[in-house]
C-alpha atoms as a PDB file:
ATOM      1  CA  MET A   1     -39.488   6.101  -6.426  1.00  0.00           C
ATOM      2  CA  VAL A   2     -36.483   7.012  -4.289  1.00  0.00           C
ATOM      3  CA  THR A   3     -35.565  10.545  -3.253  1.00  0.00           C
ATOM      4  CA  LEU A   4     -31.919  11.475  -3.726  1.00  0.00           C
ATOM      5  CA  LEU A   5     -30.613  14.687  -2.163  1.00  0.00           C
ATOM      6  CA  VAL A   6     -28.470  16.791  -4.519  1.00  0.00           C
ATOM      7  CA  HIS A   7     -26.873  20.228  -4.443  1.00  0.00           C
ATOM      8  CA  ASP A   8     -27.966  21.236  -7.952  1.00  0.00           C
ATOM      9  CA  TYR A   9     -30.839  19.924 -10.074  1.00  0.00           C
ATOM     10  CA  ASP A  10     -29.231  20.472 -13.468  1.00  0.00           C
ATOM     11  CA  ALA A  11     -25.787  19.142 -12.554  1.00  0.00           C
ATOM     12  CA  ALA A  12     -27.327  15.973 -11.095  1.00  0.00           C
ATOM     13  CA  ARG A  13     -29.702  15.495 -14.035  1.00  0.00           C
ATOM     14  CA  ASP A  14     -26.873  15.912 -16.532  1.00  0.00           C
ATOM     15  CA  TRP A  15     -24.584  13.510 -14.667  1.00  0.00           C
ATOM     16  CA  TYR A  16     -27.174  10.737 -14.465  1.00  0.00           C
ATOM     17  CA  CYS A  17     -28.361  11.226 -18.036  1.00  0.00           C
ATOM     18  CA  HIS A  18     -24.991  11.667 -19.766  1.00  0.00           C
ATOM     19  CA  ARG A  19     -22.896   9.249 -17.738  1.00  0.00           C
ATOM     20  CA  LEU A  20     -25.374   6.471 -16.865  1.00  0.00           C
ATOM     21  CA  GLY A  21     -27.945   6.863 -19.638  1.00  0.00           C
ATOM     22  CA  PHE A  22     -30.894   7.723 -17.396  1.00  0.00           C
ATOM     23  CA  ALA A  23     -33.879   9.486 -18.973  1.00  0.00           C
ATOM     24  CA  VAL A  24     -35.865  12.444 -17.697  1.00  0.00           C
ATOM     25  CA  VAL A  25     -39.417  11.284 -16.951  1.00  0.00           C
ATOM     26  CA  GLU A  26     -40.752  14.503 -15.414  1.00  0.00           C
ATOM     27  CA  ASP A  27     -39.308  17.967 -14.853  1.00  0.00           C
ATOM     28  CA  ALA A  28     -41.792  20.481 -13.489  1.00  0.00           C
ATOM     29  CA  GLY A  29     -41.310  23.664 -11.519  1.00  0.00           C
ATOM     30  CA  LEU A  30     -42.732  23.879  -8.011  1.00  0.00           C
ATOM     31  CA  PRO A  31     -43.223  26.825  -5.642  1.00  0.00           C
ATOM     32  CA  GLY A  32     -40.162  28.164  -3.889  1.00  0.00           C
ATOM     33  CA  GLY A  33     -37.734  27.311  -6.687  1.00  0.00           C
ATOM     34  CA  LYS A  34     -38.171  23.571  -6.201  1.00  0.00           C
ATOM     35  CA  ARG A  35     -38.636  21.079  -9.026  1.00  0.00           C
ATOM     36  CA  TRP A  36     -40.285  17.718  -9.480  1.00  0.00           C
ATOM     37  CA  LEU A  37     -37.401  16.093 -11.366  1.00  0.00           C
ATOM     38  CA  VAL A  38     -37.798  12.355 -11.922  1.00  0.00           C
ATOM     39  CA  LEU A  39     -35.270  10.170 -13.747  1.00  0.00           C
ATOM     40  CA  ALA A  40     -35.566   6.569 -14.913  1.00  0.00           C
ATOM     41  CA  PRO A  41     -32.673   4.144 -15.363  1.00  0.00           C
ATOM     42  CA  PRO A  42     -31.805   2.824 -18.825  1.00  0.00           C
ATOM     43  CA  GLY A  43     -34.687   0.767 -20.145  1.00  0.00           C
ATOM     44  CA  GLY A  44     -37.131   2.518 -17.804  1.00  0.00           C
ATOM     45  CA  ALA A  45     -37.596  -0.516 -15.545  1.00  0.00           C
ATOM     46  CA  GLY A  46     -37.206  -0.430 -11.789  1.00  0.00           C
ATOM     47  CA  ALA A  47     -37.313   2.377  -9.297  1.00  0.00           C
ATOM     48  CA  ARG A  48     -37.057   5.961 -10.417  1.00  0.00           C
ATOM     49  CA  LEU A  49     -35.033   8.763  -8.844  1.00  0.00           C
ATOM     50  CA  LEU A  50     -36.643  11.936  -7.559  1.00  0.00           C
ATOM     51  CA  LEU A  51     -33.838  14.476  -7.413  1.00  0.00           C
ATOM     52  CA  ALA A  52     -34.386  16.812  -4.457  1.00  0.00           C
ATOM     53  CA  ARG A  53     -32.208  19.876  -4.016  1.00  0.00           C
ATOM     54  CA  ALA A  54     -31.044  20.220  -0.435  1.00  0.00           C
ATOM     55  CA  ALA A  55     -32.946  23.141   1.102  1.00  0.00           C
ATOM     56  CA  THR A  56     -31.421  23.358   4.590  1.00  0.00           C
ATOM     57  CA  PRO A  57     -27.892  23.106   5.999  1.00  0.00           C
ATOM     58  CA  ALA A  58     -28.809  19.749   7.570  1.00  0.00           C
ATOM     59  CA  GLN A  59     -29.962  18.400   4.190  1.00  0.00           C
ATOM     60  CA  ALA A  60     -26.901  19.813   2.415  1.00  0.00           C
ATOM     61  CA  ALA A  61     -24.672  17.971   4.892  1.00  0.00           C
ATOM     62  CA  ARG A  62     -26.307  14.665   3.852  1.00  0.00           C
ATOM     63  CA  VAL A  63     -25.794  15.058   0.090  1.00  0.00           C
ATOM     64  CA  GLY A  64     -23.537  12.209  -0.980  1.00  0.00           C
ATOM     65  CA  ASP A  65     -23.750  10.575   2.447  1.00  0.00           C
ATOM     66  CA  GLN A  66     -27.380   9.651   2.952  1.00  0.00           C
ATOM     67  CA  THR A  67     -26.407   6.212   4.300  1.00  0.00           C
ATOM     68  CA  GLY A  68     -23.356   6.976   6.401  1.00  0.00           C
ATOM     69  CA  GLY A  69     -20.849   5.784   3.801  1.00  0.00           C
ATOM     70  CA  ARG A  70     -22.634   2.567   2.802  1.00  0.00           C
ATOM     71  CA  VAL A  71     -23.851   1.739  -0.683  1.00  0.00           C
ATOM     72  CA  PHE A  72     -27.225   3.446  -1.041  1.00  0.00           C
ATOM     73  CA  LEU A  73     -28.619   2.263  -4.368  1.00  0.00           C
ATOM     74  CA  PHE A  74     -28.295  -0.845  -6.550  1.00  0.00           C
ATOM     75  CA  LEU A  75     -28.516  -0.777 -10.330  1.00  0.00           C
ATOM     76  CA  HIS A  76     -28.979  -4.060 -12.183  1.00  0.00           C
ATOM     77  CA  THR A  77     -27.634  -4.599 -15.682  1.00  0.00           C
ATOM     78  CA  ASP A  78     -27.921  -7.395 -18.202  1.00  0.00           C
ATOM     79  CA  ASP A  79     -24.340  -6.785 -19.419  1.00  0.00           C
ATOM     80  CA  PHE A  80     -21.875  -5.790 -16.720  1.00  0.00           C
ATOM     81  CA  ALA A  81     -18.831  -5.648 -19.019  1.00  0.00           C
ATOM     82  CA  ARG A  82     -20.609  -3.343 -21.488  1.00  0.00           C
ATOM     83  CA  ASP A  83     -21.819  -0.898 -18.835  1.00  0.00           C
ATOM     84  CA  PHE A  84     -18.589  -0.949 -16.828  1.00  0.00           C
ATOM     85  CA  ALA A  85     -16.541  -0.103 -19.947  1.00  0.00           C
ATOM     86  CA  LEU A  86     -18.982   2.529 -21.232  1.00  0.00           C
ATOM     87  CA  TRP A  87     -19.428   4.253 -17.891  1.00  0.00           C
ATOM     88  CA  SER A  88     -15.702   4.197 -17.155  1.00  0.00           C
ATOM     89  CA  ALA A  89     -15.118   5.881 -20.536  1.00  0.00           C
ATOM     90  CA  ARG A  90     -17.731   8.497 -19.601  1.00  0.00           C
ATOM     91  CA  GLY A  91     -15.883   9.321 -16.376  1.00  0.00           C
ATOM     92  CA  VAL A  92     -17.827   7.300 -13.810  1.00  0.00           C
ATOM     93  CA  VAL A  93     -15.524   6.654 -10.849  1.00  0.00           C
ATOM     94  CA  PHE A  94     -15.563   3.035  -9.731  1.00  0.00           C
ATOM     95  CA  ARG A  95     -14.293   2.673  -6.179  1.00  0.00           C
ATOM     96  CA  GLU A  96     -13.115  -0.894  -6.687  1.00  0.00           C
ATOM     97  CA  PRO A  97     -12.489  -3.330  -9.535  1.00  0.00           C
ATOM     98  CA  PRO A  98     -15.330  -5.649 -10.563  1.00  0.00           C
ATOM     99  CA  ARG A  99     -15.679  -8.804  -8.500  1.00  0.00           C
ATOM    100  CA  ARG A 100     -17.736 -11.974  -8.703  1.00  0.00           C
ATOM    101  CA  GLU A 101     -19.993 -12.817  -5.794  1.00  0.00           C
ATOM    102  CA  SER A 102     -22.519 -15.614  -5.341  1.00  0.00           C
ATOM    103  CA  TYR A 103     -25.282 -13.195  -6.399  1.00  0.00           C
ATOM    104  CA  GLY A 104     -23.475 -11.877  -9.504  1.00  0.00           C
ATOM    105  CA  THR A 105     -20.805  -9.529 -10.823  1.00  0.00           C
ATOM    106  CA  VAL A 106     -20.598  -6.233  -8.950  1.00  0.00           C
ATOM    107  CA  ALA A 107     -18.585  -3.033  -8.591  1.00  0.00           C
ATOM    108  CA  VAL A 108     -19.169   0.036  -6.433  1.00  0.00           C
ATOM    109  CA  PHE A 109     -19.260   3.444  -8.109  1.00  0.00           C
ATOM    110  CA  ALA A 110     -19.834   6.973  -6.872  1.00  0.00           C
ATOM    111  CA  ASP A 111     -22.079   9.605  -8.395  1.00  0.00           C
ATOM    112  CA  LEU A 112     -21.053  13.242  -8.768  1.00  0.00           C
ATOM    113  CA  TYR A 113     -21.652  13.903  -5.055  1.00  0.00           C
ATOM    114  CA  GLY A 114     -20.106  10.693  -3.740  1.00  0.00           C
ATOM    115  CA  THR A 115     -23.309   8.695  -3.240  1.00  0.00           C
ATOM    116  CA  LEU A 116     -22.336   5.037  -3.524  1.00  0.00           C
ATOM    117  CA  TRP A 117     -24.068   2.639  -5.893  1.00  0.00           C
ATOM    118  CA  ASP A 118     -23.574  -1.020  -6.803  1.00  0.00           C
ATOM    119  CA  LEU A 119     -23.634  -1.924 -10.486  1.00  0.00           C
ATOM    120  CA  ILE A 120     -24.750  -5.563 -10.504  1.00  0.00           C
ATOM    121  CA  GLU A 121     -25.256  -8.196 -13.151  1.00  0.00           C
ATOM    122  CA  PRO A 122     -27.197 -10.895 -11.293  1.00  0.00           C
ATOM    123  CA  ALA A 123     -25.866 -14.443 -11.480  1.00  0.00           C
ATOM    124  CA  GLY A 124     -27.525 -17.009 -13.690  1.00  0.00           C
END
């Protein structure tokens, strides 16, 4: 599981579920207005996301920039063209056109807060 800082639980949950097809695995209230909100990527395989609402000014400053502008997370697909077209139609902002690399087909996209992801269909 990977923790992803967000400004708002519901906005982040809705973006990942409606735009990328993630599923809610757990959503439980915690003391202090916090939640244990876990999402799984389509198909349920791979790492899950724990959405964590930023609770301090220092954390809020890192939302969307947890890696200093580098790609933070990598999402594999078995059909790049399908997902690229579907997600583009759903309003996902790709920061570059798809390209072929030795490891597969890839394009960088940003989530609702600007966190960068690679969508990758591995080669061969």
